Structures are given as structure tokens and as C-alpha cells.
């Protein structure tokens, strides 16, 4: 059994969102992305399907030429290779669920 918290030990980066691996399970990687207001993750894509959940805050989530405002509690799934971007409209904590085959390094490089 593994236990982690998305709300404890929050550390912001000044220049870009802070990315940390909270759980590495048998089937997924659960990643916390912490945004200061105004921070972005520019257009990028994942090689495998992903799930993104807003744990706290508000994110403008851009996909397929549309921007959806996602708020605390919202969740979205994307198929592989779908280009998307995120912009925090307030301090935010985001849960990113990756395939076990995907890498934390790739996310940190976005």
C-alpha cells in the first residue's frame, strides 16, 4: 500500500509549474503539478492517454483550438498525441495520471 497527499508539502517554482511524482504504482504514475497564478504549460502532447484533474484552483485548459475553464473537482481524459496546454488563472494543484510507460522527465521538460 502507498499513500500520498496532493495537498501537503506544496512547493512552488518561480519560473514554471512544479512537477513531482507522488505515486508510482503497478499501472500508473500519479503526478502533482503546482501552478502559481499565470504559469503555463505550453502546447505539448503525451505518447499515451492521460487524465488531468484539478485538485485545487482554476486552469484554462486548451485543446483542439478551444479553451475550457476547469475548476476544483473537474477532470478530463485525453487520448494519446492530443496537443493541449494549461494556464493557471489562480494558484492551482493539478493531478496528472500517466501510463506506467510514460516518464516524469517528459512532463518536467514541458
N, C-alpha and C. Protein backbone atom coordinates (compact mmCIF):
# COMPACT_ATOMS: atom_id res chain seq x y z
N UNK A 1 0.85 -1.18 0.00
CA UNK A 1 0.00 0.00 0.00
C UNK A 1 0.89 1.24 0.00
N UNK A 2 0.48 2.24 -0.79
CA UNK A 2 1.19 3.51 -0.85
C UNK A 2 0.19 4.63 -0.58
N UNK A 3 0.61 5.63 0.16
CA UNK A 3 -0.26 6.77 0.47
C UNK A 3 0.51 8.06 0.16
N UNK A 4 -0.17 9.01 -0.45
CA UNK A 4 0.43 10.32 -0.74
C UNK A 4 -0.66 11.38 -0.62
N UNK A 5 -0.24 12.63 -0.50
CA UNK A 5 -1.19 13.74 -0.41
C UNK A 5 -0.87 14.79 -1.47
N UNK A 6 -1.91 15.20 -2.19
CA UNK A 6 -1.74 16.27 -3.16
C UNK A 6 -1.69 17.64 -2.48
N UNK A 7 -2.09 17.71 -1.20
CA UNK A 7 -2.23 18.99 -0.52
C UNK A 7 -1.17 19.28 0.52
N UNK A 8 -0.27 18.34 0.79
CA UNK A 8 0.79 18.55 1.78
C UNK A 8 2.11 18.83 1.08
N UNK A 9 2.98 19.56 1.79
CA UNK A 9 4.34 19.86 1.30
C UNK A 9 4.35 20.49 -0.09
N UNK A 10 3.50 21.48 -0.28
CA UNK A 10 3.42 22.18 -1.56
C UNK A 10 4.63 23.10 -1.71
N UNK A 11 5.31 23.00 -2.84
CA UNK A 11 6.44 23.87 -3.14
C UNK A 11 6.26 24.43 -4.54
N UNK A 12 6.23 25.75 -4.65
CA UNK A 12 6.08 26.41 -5.93
C UNK A 12 7.44 26.68 -6.54
N UNK A 13 7.50 26.67 -7.86
CA UNK A 13 8.67 27.16 -8.60
C UNK A 13 8.35 28.58 -9.05
N UNK A 14 9.35 29.41 -9.12
CA UNK A 14 9.13 30.80 -9.53
C UNK A 14 8.86 30.93 -11.03
N UNK A 15 9.56 30.16 -11.85
CA UNK A 15 9.51 30.37 -13.29
C UNK A 15 8.54 29.47 -14.04
N UNK A 16 8.31 28.27 -13.53
CA UNK A 16 7.41 27.36 -14.23
C UNK A 16 6.74 26.45 -13.22
N UNK A 17 5.69 25.74 -13.64
CA UNK A 17 4.99 24.86 -12.71
C UNK A 17 5.94 23.82 -12.08
N UNK A 18 5.68 23.49 -10.82
CA UNK A 18 6.47 22.49 -10.09
C UNK A 18 5.85 21.12 -10.31
N UNK A 19 6.66 20.19 -10.78
CA UNK A 19 6.20 18.84 -11.12
C UNK A 19 6.84 17.84 -10.17
N UNK A 20 6.02 17.00 -9.53
CA UNK A 20 6.59 15.97 -8.65
C UNK A 20 5.79 14.68 -8.75
N UNK A 21 6.50 13.57 -8.68
CA UNK A 21 5.89 12.24 -8.69
C UNK A 21 5.45 11.91 -7.27
N UNK A 22 4.14 11.64 -7.09
CA UNK A 22 3.64 11.30 -5.76
C UNK A 22 3.51 9.79 -5.57
N UNK A 23 3.07 9.11 -6.61
CA UNK A 23 2.93 7.65 -6.54
C UNK A 23 3.36 7.02 -7.85
N UNK A 24 4.11 5.96 -7.74
CA UNK A 24 4.49 5.14 -8.90
C UNK A 24 3.89 3.77 -8.62
N UNK A 25 2.74 3.48 -9.25
CA UNK A 25 2.01 2.26 -8.96
C UNK A 25 2.30 1.19 -10.01
N UNK A 26 1.65 0.07 -9.88
CA UNK A 26 1.83 -1.02 -10.84
C UNK A 26 1.27 -0.68 -12.21
N UNK A 27 0.36 0.32 -12.27
CA UNK A 27 -0.28 0.61 -13.55
C UNK A 27 -0.24 2.08 -13.96
N UNK A 28 0.17 2.98 -13.05
CA UNK A 28 0.17 4.40 -13.40
C UNK A 28 1.24 5.16 -12.62
N UNK A 29 1.44 6.40 -13.05
CA UNK A 29 2.25 7.36 -12.31
C UNK A 29 1.32 8.52 -11.99
N UNK A 30 1.24 8.85 -10.71
CA UNK A 30 0.38 9.95 -10.24
C UNK A 30 1.28 11.14 -9.94
N UNK A 31 1.08 12.19 -10.68
CA UNK A 31 1.97 13.35 -10.64
C UNK A 31 1.20 14.57 -10.17
N UNK A 32 1.85 15.38 -9.33
CA UNK A 32 1.29 16.66 -8.89
C UNK A 32 1.99 17.77 -9.66
N UNK A 33 1.20 18.65 -10.23
CA UNK A 33 1.72 19.84 -10.90
C UNK A 33 1.16 21.04 -10.16
N UNK A 34 2.05 21.87 -9.61
CA UNK A 34 1.64 23.03 -8.81
C UNK A 34 1.94 24.30 -9.60
N UNK A 35 0.90 25.10 -9.82
CA UNK A 35 1.00 26.32 -10.61
C UNK A 35 0.83 27.54 -9.72
N UNK A 36 1.66 28.55 -9.93
CA UNK A 36 1.36 29.89 -9.44
C UNK A 36 0.44 30.54 -10.47
N UNK A 37 -0.33 31.51 -10.05
CA UNK A 37 -1.22 32.21 -10.98
C UNK A 37 -0.41 32.72 -12.17
N UNK A 38 -0.90 32.45 -13.36
CA UNK A 38 -0.27 32.92 -14.59
C UNK A 38 0.74 31.95 -15.19
N UNK A 39 1.17 30.95 -14.46
CA UNK A 39 2.12 29.99 -15.02
C UNK A 39 1.43 29.10 -16.05
N UNK A 40 2.22 28.66 -17.04
CA UNK A 40 1.66 27.87 -18.12
C UNK A 40 2.48 26.62 -18.41
N UNK A 41 1.84 25.68 -19.03
CA UNK A 41 2.50 24.57 -19.70
C UNK A 41 2.08 24.73 -21.16
N UNK A 42 3.03 25.12 -21.99
CA UNK A 42 2.75 25.40 -23.41
C UNK A 42 2.28 24.14 -24.13
N UNK A 43 1.87 24.30 -25.38
CA UNK A 43 1.40 23.17 -26.18
C UNK A 43 2.34 21.98 -26.07
N UNK A 44 1.77 20.84 -25.76
CA UNK A 44 2.53 19.59 -25.68
C UNK A 44 1.55 18.43 -25.86
N UNK A 45 2.09 17.24 -25.95
CA UNK A 45 1.26 16.05 -26.10
C UNK A 45 1.92 14.88 -25.37
N UNK A 46 1.12 13.89 -25.05
CA UNK A 46 1.61 12.71 -24.35
C UNK A 46 1.55 11.51 -25.30
N UNK A 47 2.50 10.61 -25.18
CA UNK A 47 2.51 9.43 -26.06
C UNK A 47 1.45 8.39 -25.71
N UNK A 48 0.86 8.53 -24.52
CA UNK A 48 -0.18 7.61 -24.04
C UNK A 48 -1.36 8.44 -23.54
N UNK A 49 -2.49 7.81 -23.31
CA UNK A 49 -3.65 8.50 -22.77
C UNK A 49 -3.32 9.06 -21.38
N UNK A 50 -3.92 10.20 -21.04
CA UNK A 50 -3.72 10.82 -19.73
C UNK A 50 -5.06 11.21 -19.12
N UNK A 51 -5.03 11.43 -17.81
CA UNK A 51 -6.16 12.01 -17.09
C UNK A 51 -5.63 13.20 -16.30
N UNK A 52 -6.34 14.32 -16.37
CA UNK A 52 -5.96 15.54 -15.66
C UNK A 52 -7.13 15.93 -14.76
N UNK A 53 -6.83 16.15 -13.47
CA UNK A 53 -7.85 16.55 -12.51
C UNK A 53 -7.39 17.82 -11.80
N UNK A 54 -8.30 18.76 -11.64
CA UNK A 54 -7.99 19.96 -10.88
C UNK A 54 -8.32 19.67 -9.41
N UNK A 55 -7.27 19.55 -8.61
CA UNK A 55 -7.43 19.26 -7.18
C UNK A 55 -7.82 20.54 -6.44
N UNK A 56 -7.22 21.65 -6.87
CA UNK A 56 -7.50 22.94 -6.24
C UNK A 56 -7.19 24.03 -7.25
N UNK A 57 -8.04 25.05 -7.33
CA UNK A 57 -7.75 26.20 -8.18
C UNK A 57 -8.55 26.23 -9.46
N UNK A 58 -7.96 26.87 -10.47
CA UNK A 58 -8.63 27.08 -11.75
C UNK A 58 -7.59 27.12 -12.86
N UNK A 59 -7.85 26.36 -13.91
CA UNK A 59 -6.93 26.23 -15.04
C UNK A 59 -7.69 26.48 -16.33
N UNK A 60 -7.12 27.29 -17.22
CA UNK A 60 -7.61 27.36 -18.59
C UNK A 60 -6.93 26.24 -19.35
N UNK A 61 -7.72 25.28 -19.81
CA UNK A 61 -7.20 24.08 -20.46
C UNK A 61 -7.50 24.19 -21.95
N UNK A 62 -6.46 24.32 -22.74
CA UNK A 62 -6.61 24.46 -24.18
C UNK A 62 -6.43 23.13 -24.88
N UNK A 63 -7.41 22.79 -25.73
CA UNK A 63 -7.32 21.56 -26.53
C UNK A 63 -8.19 21.73 -27.77
N UNK A 64 -7.66 21.30 -28.91
CA UNK A 64 -8.40 21.34 -30.18
C UNK A 64 -8.93 22.74 -30.50
N UNK A 65 -8.11 23.77 -30.24
CA UNK A 65 -8.49 25.13 -30.57
C UNK A 65 -9.50 25.76 -29.63
N UNK A 66 -9.88 25.05 -28.58
CA UNK A 66 -10.82 25.57 -27.60
C UNK A 66 -10.15 25.69 -26.25
N UNK A 67 -10.61 26.64 -25.44
CA UNK A 67 -10.11 26.78 -24.07
C UNK A 67 -11.29 26.55 -23.13
N UNK A 68 -11.12 25.57 -22.26
CA UNK A 68 -12.15 25.26 -21.26
C UNK A 68 -11.62 25.68 -19.90
N UNK A 69 -12.44 26.40 -19.14
CA UNK A 69 -12.04 26.71 -17.77
C UNK A 69 -12.38 25.52 -16.90
N UNK A 70 -11.35 24.96 -16.27
CA UNK A 70 -11.53 23.83 -15.37
C UNK A 70 -11.28 24.31 -13.95
N UNK A 71 -12.14 23.90 -13.02
CA UNK A 71 -12.04 24.35 -11.64
C UNK A 71 -11.96 23.14 -10.71
N UNK A 72 -11.74 23.42 -9.43
CA UNK A 72 -11.61 22.38 -8.41
C UNK A 72 -12.65 21.28 -8.63
N UNK A 73 -12.14 20.06 -8.72
CA UNK A 73 -13.02 18.90 -8.88
C UNK A 73 -13.20 18.44 -10.31
N UNK A 74 -12.90 19.29 -11.30
CA UNK A 74 -13.07 18.90 -12.70
C UNK A 74 -11.98 17.91 -13.12
N UNK A 75 -12.35 17.05 -14.07
CA UNK A 75 -11.43 16.03 -14.56
C UNK A 75 -11.64 15.87 -16.07
N UNK A 76 -10.56 15.58 -16.79
CA UNK A 76 -10.62 15.40 -18.23
C UNK A 76 -9.68 14.27 -18.63
N UNK A 77 -10.06 13.53 -19.64
CA UNK A 77 -9.17 12.50 -20.19
C UNK A 77 -8.84 12.87 -21.63
N UNK A 78 -7.61 12.56 -22.01
CA UNK A 78 -7.17 12.82 -23.38
C UNK A 78 -6.56 11.56 -23.97
N UNK A 79 -6.83 11.34 -25.24
CA UNK A 79 -6.21 10.24 -25.95
C UNK A 79 -4.75 10.57 -26.24
N UNK A 80 -3.97 9.57 -26.61
CA UNK A 80 -2.55 9.84 -26.94
C UNK A 80 -2.42 10.85 -28.07
N UNK A 81 -1.35 11.64 -28.02
CA UNK A 81 -0.95 12.57 -29.07
C UNK A 81 -1.87 13.78 -29.24
N UNK A 82 -2.77 14.05 -28.30
CA UNK A 82 -3.65 15.22 -28.38
C UNK A 82 -2.89 16.42 -27.83
N UNK A 83 -2.70 17.43 -28.66
CA UNK A 83 -1.98 18.64 -28.24
C UNK A 83 -2.87 19.44 -27.29
N UNK A 84 -2.27 19.87 -26.18
CA UNK A 84 -3.02 20.63 -25.17
C UNK A 84 -2.08 21.56 -24.43
N UNK A 85 -2.65 22.53 -23.70
CA UNK A 85 -1.87 23.46 -22.89
C UNK A 85 -2.68 23.83 -21.66
N UNK A 86 -1.98 24.33 -20.64
CA UNK A 86 -2.63 24.72 -19.39
C UNK A 86 -2.10 26.07 -18.95
N UNK A 87 -3.01 26.92 -18.47
CA UNK A 87 -2.64 28.20 -17.88
C UNK A 87 -3.43 28.37 -16.58
N UNK A 88 -2.71 28.63 -15.50
CA UNK A 88 -3.35 28.80 -14.20
C UNK A 88 -3.95 30.20 -14.09
N UNK A 89 -5.23 30.27 -13.80
CA UNK A 89 -5.88 31.56 -13.59
C UNK A 89 -5.86 31.95 -12.11
N UNK A 90 -5.41 31.02 -11.27
CA UNK A 90 -5.14 31.25 -9.85
C UNK A 90 -4.19 30.15 -9.39
N UNK A 91 -3.65 30.28 -8.18
CA UNK A 91 -2.80 29.19 -7.67
C UNK A 91 -3.57 27.89 -7.79
N UNK A 92 -2.92 26.86 -8.33
CA UNK A 92 -3.64 25.62 -8.61
C UNK A 92 -2.78 24.40 -8.36
N UNK A 93 -3.46 23.30 -8.02
CA UNK A 93 -2.83 22.00 -7.86
C UNK A 93 -3.54 21.06 -8.81
N UNK A 94 -2.76 20.40 -9.66
CA UNK A 94 -3.30 19.54 -10.70
C UNK A 94 -2.77 18.12 -10.52
N UNK A 95 -3.65 17.16 -10.65
CA UNK A 95 -3.26 15.75 -10.65
C UNK A 95 -3.17 15.29 -12.10
N UNK A 96 -2.05 14.71 -12.45
CA UNK A 96 -1.83 14.16 -13.78
C UNK A 96 -1.59 12.66 -13.62
N UNK A 97 -2.45 11.87 -14.23
CA UNK A 97 -2.30 10.42 -14.20
C UNK A 97 -1.73 9.97 -15.54
N UNK A 98 -0.55 9.37 -15.47
CA UNK A 98 0.15 8.91 -16.67
C UNK A 98 0.18 7.40 -16.74
N UNK A 99 0.33 6.90 -17.94
CA UNK A 99 0.59 5.48 -18.14
C UNK A 99 1.90 5.12 -17.45
N UNK A 100 1.99 3.92 -16.97
CA UNK A 100 3.22 3.41 -16.37
C UNK A 100 4.39 3.52 -17.35
N UNK A 101 4.10 3.49 -18.65
CA UNK A 101 5.14 3.53 -19.68
C UNK A 101 5.65 4.94 -19.97
N UNK A 102 4.92 5.96 -19.51
CA UNK A 102 5.32 7.35 -19.73
C UNK A 102 6.36 7.75 -18.68
N UNK A 103 7.00 8.93 -18.86
CA UNK A 103 8.08 9.33 -17.96
C UNK A 103 7.83 10.68 -17.30
N UNK A 104 8.29 10.80 -16.08
CA UNK A 104 8.24 12.06 -15.35
C UNK A 104 9.14 13.08 -16.05
N UNK A 105 10.26 12.63 -16.57
CA UNK A 105 11.21 13.51 -17.26
C UNK A 105 10.52 14.26 -18.40
N UNK A 106 9.68 13.57 -19.16
CA UNK A 106 8.98 14.21 -20.27
C UNK A 106 8.09 15.34 -19.76
N UNK A 107 7.39 15.11 -18.67
CA UNK A 107 6.49 16.13 -18.12
C UNK A 107 7.29 17.33 -17.63
N UNK A 108 8.40 17.09 -16.96
CA UNK A 108 9.23 18.19 -16.44
C UNK A 108 9.81 19.05 -17.56
N UNK A 109 9.94 18.48 -18.75
CA UNK A 109 10.53 19.23 -19.87
C UNK A 109 9.51 20.09 -20.61
N UNK A 110 8.22 19.94 -20.28
CA UNK A 110 7.18 20.73 -20.96
C UNK A 110 7.32 22.19 -20.60
